[in-house]
């Protein structure tokens, strides 16, 4: 290897500088992941009669069901609303995590590198 870094690297970036930059990015990713896990995300279904709150770790923290959603003759409808609310809250959490990661990596897909 030539002294001073890799040939063709922009700005003559050497291996030590690349490693330092990779470590900085990894630390930033860890910080972002911790922040994401601490956040909560909510969604509702059935016009607001079912509401779910999840955190960034994909844990269901709260499930609220208004009395008018409970119809003993239509339990399937209530089940569907619960699933819809929980799944939408999880999708919201995932979308924010993906957006944050995209900002950090400049849209570069690292394919699970970090």
PDB file of N, CA and C in Angstrom:
ATOM      1  N   UNK A   1       0.846  -1.174   0.000  1.00  0.00           N
ATOM      2  CA  UNK A   1       0.000   0.000   0.000  1.00  0.00           C
ATOM      3  C   UNK A   1       0.891   1.237   0.000  1.00  0.00           C
ATOM      4  N   UNK A   2       0.516   2.203  -0.742  1.00  0.00           N
ATOM      5  CA  UNK A   2       1.286   3.438  -0.841  1.00  0.00           C
ATOM      6  C   UNK A   2       1.193   4.225   0.450  1.00  0.00           C
ATOM      7  N   UNK A   3       2.267   4.892   0.780  1.00  0.00           N
ATOM      8  CA  UNK A   3       2.273   5.718   1.985  1.00  0.00           C
ATOM      9  C   UNK A   3       1.263   6.846   1.834  1.00  0.00           C
ATOM     10  N   UNK A   4       0.499   7.092   2.901  1.00  0.00           N
ATOM     11  CA  UNK A   4      -0.458   8.197   2.852  1.00  0.00           C
ATOM     12  C   UNK A   4      -1.872   7.756   2.547  1.00  0.00           C
ATOM     13  N   UNK A   5      -2.127   6.453   2.340  1.00  0.00           N
ATOM     14  CA  UNK A   5      -3.504   6.010   2.168  1.00  0.00           C
ATOM     15  C   UNK A   5      -3.720   5.217   0.901  1.00  0.00           C
ATOM     16  N   UNK A   6      -4.982   4.962   0.617  1.00  0.00           N
ATOM     17  CA  UNK A   6      -5.368   4.190  -0.545  1.00  0.00           C
ATOM     18  C   UNK A   6      -5.395   5.074  -1.777  1.00  0.00           C
ATOM     19  N   UNK A   7      -4.984   4.508  -2.889  1.00  0.00           N
ATOM     20  CA  UNK A   7      -5.066   5.260  -4.139  1.00  0.00           C
ATOM     21  C   UNK A   7      -6.532   5.421  -4.539  1.00  0.00           C
ATOM     22  N   UNK A   8      -6.827   6.573  -5.035  1.00  0.00           N
ATOM     23  CA  UNK A   8      -8.177   6.822  -5.518  1.00  0.00           C
ATOM     24  C   UNK A   8      -9.170   7.199  -4.439  1.00  0.00           C
ATOM     25  N   UNK A   9      -8.750   7.232  -3.186  1.00  0.00           N
ATOM     26  CA  UNK A   9      -9.667   7.616  -2.117  1.00  0.00           C
ATOM     27  C   UNK A   9      -9.804   9.127  -2.101  1.00  0.00           C
ATOM     28  N   UNK A  10     -11.009   9.637  -1.997  1.00  0.00           N
ATOM     29  CA  UNK A  10     -11.203  11.083  -1.986  1.00  0.00           C
ATOM     30  C   UNK A  10     -10.463  11.733  -0.824  1.00  0.00           C
ATOM     31  N   UNK A  11      -9.753  12.780  -1.122  1.00  0.00           N
ATOM     32  CA  UNK A  11      -9.070  13.540  -0.081  1.00  0.00           C
ATOM     33  C   UNK A  11      -7.920  12.787   0.559  1.00  0.00           C
ATOM     34  N   UNK A  12      -7.479  11.684  -0.056  1.00  0.00           N
ATOM     35  CA  UNK A  12      -6.366  10.932   0.489  1.00  0.00           C
ATOM     36  C   UNK A  12      -6.664  10.315   1.846  1.00  0.00           C
ATOM     37  N   UNK A  13      -7.915   9.917   2.096  1.00  0.00           N
ATOM     38  CA  UNK A  13      -8.315   9.350   3.382  1.00  0.00           C
ATOM     39  C   UNK A  13      -7.541   8.061   3.633  1.00  0.00           C
ATOM     40  N   UNK A  14      -6.867   7.978   4.760  1.00  0.00           N
ATOM     41  CA  UNK A  14      -6.117   6.773   5.056  1.00  0.00           C
ATOM     42  C   UNK A  14      -6.956   5.809   5.886  1.00  0.00           C
ATOM     43  N   UNK A  15      -6.385   4.644   6.117  1.00  0.00           N
ATOM     44  CA  UNK A  15      -7.119   3.595   6.807  1.00  0.00           C
ATOM     45  C   UNK A  15      -7.489   4.002   8.237  1.00  0.00           C
ATOM     46  N   UNK A  16      -6.588   4.663   8.936  1.00  0.00           N
ATOM     47  CA  UNK A  16      -6.878   5.088  10.308  1.00  0.00           C
ATOM     48  C   UNK A  16      -8.044   6.072  10.350  1.00  0.00           C
ATOM     49  N   UNK A  17      -8.077   6.985   9.400  1.00  0.00           N
ATOM     50  CA  UNK A  17      -9.177   7.952   9.352  1.00  0.00           C
ATOM     51  C   UNK A  17     -10.489   7.256   9.023  1.00  0.00           C
ATOM     52  N   UNK A  18     -10.435   6.258   8.139  1.00  0.00           N
ATOM     53  CA  UNK A  18     -11.650   5.504   7.806  1.00  0.00           C
ATOM     54  C   UNK A  18     -12.171   4.754   9.023  1.00  0.00           C
ATOM     55  N   UNK A  19     -11.261   4.143   9.782  1.00  0.00           N
ATOM     56  CA  UNK A  19     -11.674   3.409  10.971  1.00  0.00           C
ATOM     57  C   UNK A  19     -12.278   4.349  12.011  1.00  0.00           C
ATOM     58  N   UNK A  20     -11.674   5.513  12.179  1.00  0.00           N
ATOM     59  CA  UNK A  20     -12.182   6.495  13.129  1.00  0.00           C
ATOM     60  C   UNK A  20     -13.589   6.939  12.722  1.00  0.00           C
ATOM     61  N   UNK A  21     -13.772   7.169  11.423  1.00  0.00           N
ATOM     62  CA  UNK A  21     -15.082   7.586  10.926  1.00  0.00           C
ATOM     63  C   UNK A  21     -16.110   6.466  11.115  1.00  0.00           C
ATOM     64  N   UNK A  22     -15.713   5.217  10.880  1.00  0.00           N
ATOM     65  CA  UNK A  22     -16.619   4.076  11.061  1.00  0.00           C
ATOM     66  C   UNK A  22     -17.008   3.929  12.532  1.00  0.00           C
ATOM     67  N   UNK A  23     -16.045   4.122  13.439  1.00  0.00           N
ATOM     68  CA  UNK A  23     -16.347   4.038  14.870  1.00  0.00           C
ATOM     69  C   UNK A  23     -17.300   5.148  15.295  1.00  0.00           C
ATOM     70  N   UNK A  24     -17.093   6.331  14.747  1.00  0.00           N
ATOM     71  CA  UNK A  24     -17.982   7.456  15.066  1.00  0.00           C
ATOM     72  C   UNK A  24     -19.401   7.152  14.591  1.00  0.00           C
ATOM     73  N   UNK A  25     -19.520   6.593  13.392  1.00  0.00           N
ATOM     74  CA  UNK A  25     -20.837   6.258  12.851  1.00  0.00           C
ATOM     75  C   UNK A  25     -21.487   5.166  13.705  1.00  0.00           C
ATOM     76  N   UNK A  26     -20.702   4.191  14.134  1.00  0.00           N
ATOM     77  CA  UNK A  26     -21.243   3.120  14.963  1.00  0.00           C
ATOM     78  C   UNK A  26     -21.746   3.669  16.299  1.00  0.00           C
ATOM     79  N   UNK A  27     -20.998   4.590  16.903  1.00  0.00           N
ATOM     80  CA  UNK A  27     -21.431   5.204  18.158  1.00  0.00           C
ATOM     81  C   UNK A  27     -22.720   6.002  17.956  1.00  0.00           C
ATOM     82  N   UNK A  28     -22.807   6.706  16.853  1.00  0.00           N
ATOM     83  CA  UNK A  28     -24.011   7.484  16.551  1.00  0.00           C
ATOM     84  C   UNK A  28     -25.207   6.557  16.343  1.00  0.00           C
ATOM     85  N   UNK A  29     -24.987   5.429  15.673  1.00  0.00           N
ATOM     86  CA  UNK A  29     -26.065   4.454  15.465  1.00  0.00           C
ATOM     87  C   UNK A  29     -26.547   3.896  16.799  1.00  0.00           C
ATOM     88  N   UNK A  30     -25.612   3.602  17.698  1.00  0.00           N
ATOM     89  CA  UNK A  30     -25.983   3.089  19.012  1.00  0.00           C
ATOM     90  C   UNK A  30     -26.796   4.125  19.778  1.00  0.00           C
ATOM     91  N   UNK A  31     -26.371   5.381  19.730  1.00  0.00           N
ATOM     92  CA  UNK A  31     -27.105   6.451  20.402  1.00  0.00           C
ATOM     93  C   UNK A  31     -28.518   6.566  19.832  1.00  0.00           C
ATOM     94  N   UNK A  32     -28.621   6.526  18.504  1.00  0.00           N
ATOM     95  CA  UNK A  32     -29.931   6.629  17.864  1.00  0.00           C
ATOM     96  C   UNK A  32     -30.822   5.449  18.239  1.00  0.00           C
ATOM     97  N   UNK A  33     -30.238   4.252  18.313  1.00  0.00           N
ATOM     98  CA  UNK A  33     -31.010   3.076  18.675  1.00  0.00           C
ATOM     99  C   UNK A  33     -31.544   3.199  20.097  1.00  0.00           C
ATOM    100  N   UNK A  34     -30.716   3.687  21.010  1.00  0.00           N
ATOM    101  CA  UNK A  34     -31.157   3.864  22.391  1.00  0.00           C
ATOM    102  C   UNK A  34     -32.276   4.894  22.482  1.00  0.00           C
ATOM    103  N   UNK A  35     -32.156   5.979  21.744  1.00  0.00           N
ATOM    104  CA  UNK A  35     -33.211   6.988  21.733  1.00  0.00           C
ATOM    105  C   UNK A  35     -34.499   6.413  21.157  1.00  0.00           C
ATOM    106  N   UNK A  36     -34.378   5.636  20.080  1.00  0.00           N
ATOM    107  CA  UNK A  36     -35.543   5.029  19.434  1.00  0.00           C
ATOM    108  C   UNK A  36     -36.257   4.087  20.403  1.00  0.00           C
ATOM    109  N   UNK A  37     -35.497   3.286  21.138  1.00  0.00           N
ATOM    110  CA  UNK A  37     -36.089   2.332  22.066  1.00  0.00           C
ATOM    111  C   UNK A  37     -36.847   3.021  23.191  1.00  0.00           C
ATOM    112  N   UNK A  38     -36.435   4.238  23.553  1.00  0.00           N
ATOM    113  CA  UNK A  38     -37.079   4.966  24.647  1.00  0.00           C
ATOM    114  C   UNK A  38     -38.354   5.689  24.203  1.00  0.00           C
ATOM    115  N   UNK A  39     -38.536   5.884  22.911  1.00  0.00           N
ATOM    116  CA  UNK A  39     -39.704   6.616  22.410  1.00  0.00           C
ATOM    117  C   UNK A  39     -40.943   5.737  22.430  1.00  0.00           C
ATOM    118  N   UNK A  40     -42.101   6.400  22.437  1.00  0.00           N
ATOM    119  CA  UNK A  40     -43.366   5.683  22.321  1.00  0.00           C
ATOM    120  C   UNK A  40     -44.080   6.125  21.055  1.00  0.00           C
ATOM    121  N   UNK A  41     -44.878   5.215  20.521  1.00  0.00           N
ATOM    122  CA  UNK A  41     -45.620   5.445  19.290  1.00  0.00           C
ATOM    123  C   UNK A  41     -47.035   4.931  19.497  1.00  0.00           C
ATOM    124  N   UNK A  42     -48.002   5.704  19.052  1.00  0.00           N
ATOM    125  CA  UNK A  42     -49.383   5.279  19.256  1.00  0.00           C
ATOM    126  C   UNK A  42     -50.149   5.311  17.938  1.00  0.00           C
ATOM    127  N   UNK A  43     -51.192   4.507  17.906  1.00  0.00           N
ATOM    128  CA  UNK A  43     -52.080   4.465  16.751  1.00  0.00           C
ATOM    129  C   UNK A  43     -53.444   4.004  17.248  1.00  0.00           C
ATOM    130  N   UNK A  44     -54.463   4.374  16.483  1.00  0.00           N
ATOM    131  CA  UNK A  44     -55.814   3.967  16.857  1.00  0.00           C
ATOM    132  C   UNK A  44     -56.516   3.338  15.665  1.00  0.00           C
ATOM    133  N   UNK A  45     -57.609   2.657  15.981  1.00  0.00           N
ATOM    134  CA  UNK A  45     -58.423   2.012  14.946  1.00  0.00           C
ATOM    135  C   UNK A  45     -59.883   2.148  15.339  1.00  0.00           C
ATOM    136  N   UNK A  46     -60.735   1.945  14.363  1.00  0.00           N
ATOM    137  CA  UNK A  46     -62.167   2.006  14.624  1.00  0.00           C
ATOM    138  C   UNK A  46     -62.630   3.390  15.018  1.00  0.00           C
ATOM    139  N   UNK A  47     -62.028   4.396  14.417  1.00  0.00           N
ATOM    140  CA  UNK A  47     -62.416   5.765  14.734  1.00  0.00           C
ATOM    141  C   UNK A  47     -61.986   6.188  16.129  1.00  0.00           C
ATOM    142  N   UNK A  48     -60.949   5.538  16.654  1.00  0.00           N
ATOM    143  CA  UNK A  48     -60.421   5.924  17.956  1.00  0.00           C
ATOM    144  C   UNK A  48     -60.934   5.100  19.121  1.00  0.00           C
ATOM    145  N   UNK A  49     -61.725   4.065  18.869  1.00  0.00           N
ATOM    146  CA  UNK A  49     -62.246   3.265  19.986  1.00  0.00           C
ATOM    147  C   UNK A  49     -61.210   2.283  20.521  1.00  0.00           C
ATOM    148  N   UNK A  50     -60.183   1.997  19.713  1.00  0.00           N
ATOM    149  CA  UNK A  50     -59.076   1.154  20.154  1.00  0.00           C
ATOM    150  C   UNK A  50     -57.789   1.929  19.920  1.00  0.00           C
ATOM    151  N   UNK A  51     -56.962   2.040  20.955  1.00  0.00           N
ATOM    152  CA  UNK A  51     -55.702   2.761  20.845  1.00  0.00           C
ATOM    153  C   UNK A  51     -54.584   1.906  21.425  1.00  0.00           C
ATOM    154  N   UNK A  52     -53.468   1.820  20.681  1.00  0.00           N
ATOM    155  CA  UNK A  52     -52.314   1.043  21.126  1.00  0.00           C
ATOM    156  C   UNK A  52     -51.101   1.950  21.226  1.00  0.00           C
ATOM    157  N   UNK A  53     -50.289   1.725  22.253  1.00  0.00           N
ATOM    158  CA  UNK A  53     -49.041   2.455  22.437  1.00  0.00           C
ATOM    159  C   UNK A  53     -47.922   1.421  22.536  1.00  0.00           C
ATOM    160  N   UNK A  54     -46.899   1.584  21.688  1.00  0.00           N
ATOM    161  CA  UNK A  54     -45.741   0.696  21.696  1.00  0.00           C
ATOM    162  C   UNK A  54     -44.487   1.534  21.897  1.00  0.00           C
ATOM    163  N   UNK A  55     -43.386   0.861  22.232  1.00  0.00           N
ATOM    164  CA  UNK A  55     -42.122   1.582  22.301  1.00  0.00           C
ATOM    165  C   UNK A  55     -41.219   1.141  21.151  1.00  0.00           C
ATOM    166  N   UNK A  56     -40.042   1.717  21.075  1.00  0.00           N
ATOM    167  CA  UNK A  56     -39.121   1.407  19.993  1.00  0.00           C
ATOM    168  C   UNK A  56     -38.528   0.015  20.067  1.00  0.00           C
ATOM    169  N   UNK A  57     -38.773  -0.701  21.163  1.00  0.00           N
ATOM    170  CA  UNK A  57     -38.326  -2.090  21.292  1.00  0.00           C
ATOM    171  C   UNK A  57     -39.405  -3.058  20.823  1.00  0.00           C
ATOM    172  N   UNK A  58     -40.474  -2.528  20.255  1.00  0.00           N
ATOM    173  CA  UNK A  58     -41.615  -3.320  19.792  1.00  0.00           C
ATOM    174  C   UNK A  58     -42.355  -3.997  20.940  1.00  0.00           C
ATOM    175  N   UNK A  59     -42.440  -3.296  22.056  1.00  0.00           N
ATOM    176  CA  UNK A  59     -43.206  -3.798  23.195  1.00  0.00           C
ATOM    177  C   UNK A  59     -44.512  -3.018  23.283  1.00  0.00           C
ATOM    178  N   UNK A  60     -45.611  -3.735  23.457  1.00  0.00           N
ATOM    179  CA  UNK A  60     -46.910  -3.103  23.642  1.00  0.00           C
ATOM    180  C   UNK A  60     -46.969  -2.585  25.076  1.00  0.00           C
ATOM    181  N   UNK A  61     -47.088  -1.271  25.218  1.00  0.00           N
ATOM    182  CA  UNK A  61     -47.087  -0.652  26.542  1.00  0.00           C
ATOM    183  C   UNK A  61     -48.488  -0.404  27.073  1.00  0.00           C
ATOM    184  N   UNK A  62     -49.393  -0.107  26.166  1.00  0.00           N
ATOM    185  CA  UNK A  62     -50.745   0.270  26.594  1.00  0.00           C
ATOM    186  C   UNK A  62     -51.736  -0.096  25.498  1.00  0.00           C
ATOM    187  N   UNK A  63     -52.880  -0.567  25.922  1.00  0.00           N
ATOM    188  CA  UNK A  63     -53.970  -0.862  25.000  1.00  0.00           C
ATOM    189  C   UNK A  63     -55.250  -0.341  25.627  1.00  0.00           C
ATOM    190  N   UNK A  64     -55.887   0.603  24.944  1.00  0.00           N
ATOM    191  CA  UNK A  64     -57.110   1.199  25.454  1.00  0.00           C
ATOM    192  C   UNK A  64     -58.267   0.807  24.537  1.00  0.00           C
ATOM    193  N   UNK A  65     -59.324   0.292  25.152  1.00  0.00           N
ATOM    194  CA  UNK A  65     -60.521  -0.099  24.389  1.00  0.00           C
ATOM    195  C   UNK A  65     -61.708   0.602  25.022  1.00  0.00           C
ATOM    196  N   UNK A  66     -62.358   1.451  24.252  1.00  0.00           N
ATOM    197  CA  UNK A  66     -63.541   2.145  24.764  1.00  0.00           C
ATOM    198  C   UNK A  66     -64.715   1.167  24.833  1.00  0.00           C
ATOM    199  N   UNK A  67     -65.605   1.353  25.807  1.00  0.00           N
ATOM    200  CA  UNK A  67     -66.723   0.418  25.998  1.00  0.00           C
ATOM    201  C   UNK A  67     -67.573   0.211  24.741  1.00  0.00           C
ATOM    202  N   UNK A  68     -67.737   1.252  23.943  1.00  0.00           N
ATOM    203  CA  UNK A  68     -68.581   1.098  22.754  1.00  0.00           C
ATOM    204  C   UNK A  68     -67.981   0.157  21.712  1.00  0.00           C
ATOM    205  N   UNK A  69     -66.695  -0.194  21.865  1.00  0.00           N
ATOM    206  CA  UNK A  69     -66.056  -1.126  20.934  1.00  0.00           C
ATOM    207  C   UNK A  69     -66.378  -2.571  21.290  1.00  0.00           C
ATOM    208  N   UNK A  70     -66.897  -2.794  22.479  1.00  0.00           N
ATOM    209  CA  UNK A  70     -67.148  -4.150  22.938  1.00  0.00           C
ATOM    210  C   UNK A  70     -68.578  -4.566  22.592  1.00  0.00           C
ATOM    211  N   UNK A  71     -68.657  -5.457  21.631  1.00  0.00           N
ATOM    212  CA  UNK A  71     -69.946  -6.022  21.214  1.00  0.00           C
ATOM    213  C   UNK A  71     -69.814  -7.537  21.327  1.00  0.00           C
ATOM    214  N   UNK A  72     -70.457  -8.143  22.309  1.00  0.00           N
ATOM    215  CA  UNK A  72     -70.308  -9.593  22.503  1.00  0.00           C
ATOM    216  C   UNK A  72     -70.696 -10.412  21.273  1.00  0.00           C
ATOM    217  N   UNK A  73     -71.513  -9.829  20.413  1.00  0.00           N
ATOM    218  CA  UNK A  73     -71.926 -10.543  19.209  1.00  0.00           C
ATOM    219  C   UNK A  73     -70.942 -10.362  18.060  1.00  0.00           C
ATOM    220  N   UNK A  74     -69.927  -9.510  18.237  1.00  0.00           N
ATOM    221  CA  UNK A  74     -68.964  -9.271  17.167  1.00  0.00           C
ATOM    222  C   UNK A  74     -67.546  -9.129  17.742  1.00  0.00           C
ATOM    223  N   UNK A  75     -67.090 -10.172  18.380  1.00  0.00           N
ATOM    224  CA  UNK A  75     -65.760 -10.182  18.984  1.00  0.00           C
ATOM    225  C   UNK A  75     -64.681 -10.057  17.904  1.00  0.00           C
ATOM    226  N   UNK A  76     -64.938 -10.624  16.744  1.00  0.00           N
ATOM    227  CA  UNK A  76     -63.956 -10.567  15.653  1.00  0.00           C
ATOM    228  C   UNK A  76     -63.640  -9.129  15.253  1.00  0.00           C
ATOM    229  N   UNK A  77     -64.630  -8.256  15.263  1.00  0.00           N
ATOM    230  CA  UNK A  77     -64.410  -6.853  14.905  1.00  0.00           C
ATOM    231  C   UNK A  77     -63.445  -6.212  15.906  1.00  0.00           C
ATOM    232  N   UNK A  78     -63.646  -6.477  17.187  1.00  0.00           N
ATOM    233  CA  UNK A  78     -62.760  -5.938  18.216  1.00  0.00           C
ATOM    234  C   UNK A  78     -61.341  -6.485  18.037  1.00  0.00           C
ATOM    235  N   UNK A  79     -61.218  -7.758  17.780  1.00  0.00           N
ATOM    236  CA  UNK A  79     -59.911  -8.355  17.549  1.00  0.00           C
ATOM    237  C   UNK A  79     -59.208  -7.694  16.362  1.00  0.00           C
ATOM    238  N   UNK A  80     -59.939  -7.474  15.300  1.00  0.00           N
ATOM    239  CA  UNK A  80     -59.377  -6.819  14.109  1.00  0.00           C
ATOM    240  C   UNK A  80     -58.913  -5.396  14.424  1.00  0.00           C
ATOM    241  N   UNK A  81     -59.696  -4.668  15.216  1.00  0.00           N
ATOM    242  CA  UNK A  81     -59.312  -3.298  15.560  1.00  0.00           C
ATOM    243  C   UNK A  81     -58.054  -3.282  16.430  1.00  0.00           C
ATOM    244  N   UNK A  82     -57.950  -4.235  17.364  1.00  0.00           N
ATOM    245  CA  UNK A  82     -56.753  -4.319  18.212  1.00  0.00           C
ATOM    246  C   UNK A  82     -55.534  -4.610  17.344  1.00  0.00           C
ATOM    247  N   UNK A  83     -55.650  -5.578  16.467  1.00  0.00           N
ATOM    248  CA  UNK A  83     -54.535  -5.898  15.573  1.00  0.00           C
ATOM    249  C   UNK A  83     -54.147  -4.701  14.711  1.00  0.00           C
ATOM    250  N   UNK A  84     -55.134  -4.022  14.173  1.00  0.00           N
ATOM    251  CA  UNK A  84     -54.863  -2.868  13.310  1.00  0.00           C
ATOM    252  C   UNK A  84     -54.133  -1.765  14.073  1.00  0.00           C
ATOM    253  N   UNK A  85     -54.585  -1.479  15.280  1.00  0.00           N
ATOM    254  CA  UNK A  85     -53.961  -0.410  16.068  1.00  0.00           C
ATOM    255  C   UNK A  85     -52.531  -0.777  16.457  1.00  0.00           C
ATOM    256  N   UNK A  86     -52.316  -1.988  16.912  1.00  0.00           N
ATOM    257  CA  UNK A  86     -50.968  -2.415  17.320  1.00  0.00           C
ATOM    258  C   UNK A  86     -50.035  -2.432  16.122  1.00  0.00           C
ATOM    259  N   UNK A  87     -50.477  -3.003  15.017  1.00  0.00           N
ATOM    260  CA  UNK A  87     -49.623  -3.076  13.836  1.00  0.00           C
ATOM    261  C   UNK A  87     -49.284  -1.700  13.278  1.00  0.00           C
ATOM    262  N   UNK A  88     -50.216  -0.786  13.311  1.00  0.00           N
ATOM    263  CA  UNK A  88     -49.940   0.568  12.814  1.00  0.00           C
ATOM    264  C   UNK A  88     -48.949   1.285  13.722  1.00  0.00           C
ATOM    265  N   UNK A  89     -49.070   1.107  15.018  1.00  0.00           N
ATOM    266  CA  UNK A  89     -48.111   1.718  15.941  1.00  0.00           C
ATOM    267  C   UNK A  89     -46.707   1.156  15.705  1.00  0.00           C
ATOM    268  N   UNK A  90     -46.607  -0.150  15.471  1.00  0.00           N
ATOM    269  CA  UNK A  90     -45.309  -0.767  15.180  1.00  0.00           C
ATOM    270  C   UNK A  90     -44.737  -0.267  13.860  1.00  0.00           C
ATOM    271  N   UNK A  91     -45.590  -0.117  12.855  1.00  0.00           N
ATOM    272  CA  UNK A  91     -45.123   0.416  11.565  1.00  0.00           C
ATOM    273  C   UNK A  91     -44.605   1.840  11.719  1.00  0.00           C
ATOM    274  N   UNK A  92     -45.276   2.627  12.546  1.00  0.00           N
ATOM    275  CA  UNK A  92     -44.829   4.000  12.788  1.00  0.00           C
ATOM    276  C   UNK A  92     -43.446   4.002  13.429  1.00  0.00           C
ATOM    277  N   UNK A  93     -43.236   3.126  14.401  1.00  0.00           N
ATOM    278  CA  UNK A  93     -41.928   3.021  15.062  1.00  0.00           C
ATOM    279  C   UNK A  93     -40.855   2.604  14.057  1.00  0.00           C
ATOM    280  N   UNK A  94     -41.161   1.626  13.224  1.00  0.00           N
ATOM    281  CA  UNK A  94     -40.200   1.157  12.220  1.00  0.00           C
ATOM    282  C   UNK A  94     -39.880   2.232  11.192  1.00  0.00           C
ATOM    283  N   UNK A  95     -40.899   2.976  10.772  1.00  0.00           N
ATOM    284  CA  UNK A  95     -40.682   4.026   9.774  1.00  0.00           C
ATOM    285  C   UNK A  95     -39.765   5.118  10.325  1.00  0.00           C
ATOM    286  N   UNK A  96     -39.956   5.477  11.584  1.00  0.00           N
ATOM    287  CA  UNK A  96     -39.085   6.500  12.166  1.00  0.00           C
ATOM    288  C   UNK A  96     -37.663   5.986  12.300  1.00  0.00           C
ATOM    289  N   UNK A  97     -37.503   4.728  12.703  1.00  0.00           N
ATOM    290  CA  UNK A  97     -36.163   4.146  12.826  1.00  0.00           C
ATOM    291  C   UNK A  97     -35.460   4.116  11.470  1.00  0.00           C
ATOM    292  N   UNK A  98     -36.182   3.741  10.428  1.00  0.00           N
ATOM    293  CA  UNK A  98     -35.597   3.695   9.090  1.00  0.00           C
ATOM    294  C   UNK A  98     -35.226   5.093   8.607  1.00  0.00           C
ATOM    295  N   UNK A  99     -36.064   6.065   8.904  1.00  0.00           N
ATOM    296  CA  UNK A  99     -35.788   7.443   8.511  1.00  0.00           C
ATOM    297  C   UNK A  99     -34.540   7.974   9.211  1.00  0.00           C
ATOM    298  N   UNK A 100     -34.420   7.694  10.506  1.00  0.00           N
ATOM    299  CA  UNK A 100     -33.247   8.123  11.261  1.00  0.00           C
ATOM    300  C   UNK A 100     -31.983   7.472  10.727  1.00  0.00           C
ATOM    301  N   UNK A 101     -32.049   6.184  10.413  1.00  0.00           N
ATOM    302  CA  UNK A 101     -30.883   5.475   9.898  1.00  0.00           C
ATOM    303  C   UNK A 101     -30.497   6.012   8.525  1.00  0.00           C
ATOM    304  N   UNK A 102     -31.476   6.313   7.715  1.00  0.00           N
ATOM    305  CA  UNK A 102     -31.210   6.854   6.384  1.00  0.00           C
ATOM    306  C   UNK A 102     -30.510   8.202   6.474  1.00  0.00           C
ATOM    307  N   UNK A 103     -30.937   9.027   7.433  1.00  0.00           N
ATOM    308  CA  UNK A 103     -30.277  10.326   7.620  1.00  0.00           C
ATOM    309  C   UNK A 103     -28.828  10.143   8.035  1.00  0.00           C
ATOM    310  N   UNK A 104     -28.577   9.173   8.898  1.00  0.00           N
ATOM    311  CA  UNK A 104     -27.223   8.944   9.392  1.00  0.00           C
ATOM    312  C   UNK A 104     -26.306   8.417   8.292  1.00  0.00           C
ATOM    313  N   UNK A 105     -26.818   7.510   7.483  1.00  0.00           N
ATOM    314  CA  UNK A 105     -25.985   6.878   6.456  1.00  0.00           C
ATOM    315  C   UNK A 105     -26.075   7.578   5.114  1.00  0.00           C
ATOM    316  N   UNK A 106     -26.824   8.658   5.041  1.00  0.00           N
ATOM    317  CA  UNK A 106     -26.963   9.365   3.774  1.00  0.00           C
ATOM    318  C   UNK A 106     -27.705   8.548   2.737  1.00  0.00           C
ATOM    319  N   UNK A 107     -28.583   7.648   3.187  1.00  0.00           N
ATOM    320  CA  UNK A 107     -29.355   6.819   2.270  1.00  0.00           C
ATOM    321  C   UNK A 107     -28.631   5.561   1.840  1.00  0.00           C
ATOM    322  N   UNK A 108     -27.405   5.364   2.292  1.00  0.00           N
ATOM    323  CA  UNK A 108     -26.613   4.203   1.933  1.00  0.00           C
ATOM    324  C   UNK A 108     -27.141   2.987   2.663  1.00  0.00           C
ATOM    325  N   UNK A 109     -27.476   1.925   1.935  1.00  0.00           N
ATOM    326  CA  UNK A 109     -27.965   0.694   2.542  1.00  0.00           C
ATOM    327  C   UNK A 109     -26.759  -0.129   2.974  1.00  0.00           C
ATOM    328  N   UNK A 110     -26.537  -0.234   4.284  1.00  0.00           N
ATOM    329  CA  UNK A 110     -25.378  -0.963   4.797  1.00  0.00           C
ATOM    330  C   UNK A 110     -25.664  -2.449   4.974  1.00  0.00           C
ATOM    331  N   UNK A 111     -26.873  -2.878   4.712  1.00  0.00           N
ATOM    332  CA  UNK A 111     -27.210  -4.294   4.742  1.00  0.00           C
ATOM    333  C   UNK A 111     -26.875  -4.994   6.047  1.00  0.00           C
ATOM    334  N   UNK A 112     -27.150  -4.377   7.172  1.00  0.00           N
ATOM    335  CA  UNK A 112     -26.901  -4.996   8.468  1.00  0.00           C
ATOM    336  C   UNK A 112     -25.448  -4.948   8.893  1.00  0.00           C
ATOM    337  N   UNK A 113     -24.656  -4.102   8.275  1.00  0.00           N
ATOM    338  CA  UNK A 113     -23.235  -3.991   8.611  1.00  0.00           C
ATOM    339  C   UNK A 113     -23.034  -3.588  10.057  1.00  0.00           C
ATOM    340  N   UNK A 114     -23.878  -2.691  10.555  1.00  0.00           N
ATOM    341  CA  UNK A 114     -23.758  -2.219  11.931  1.00  0.00           C
ATOM    342  C   UNK A 114     -24.898  -2.714  12.759  1.00  0.00           C
TER     343      UNK A 114
END
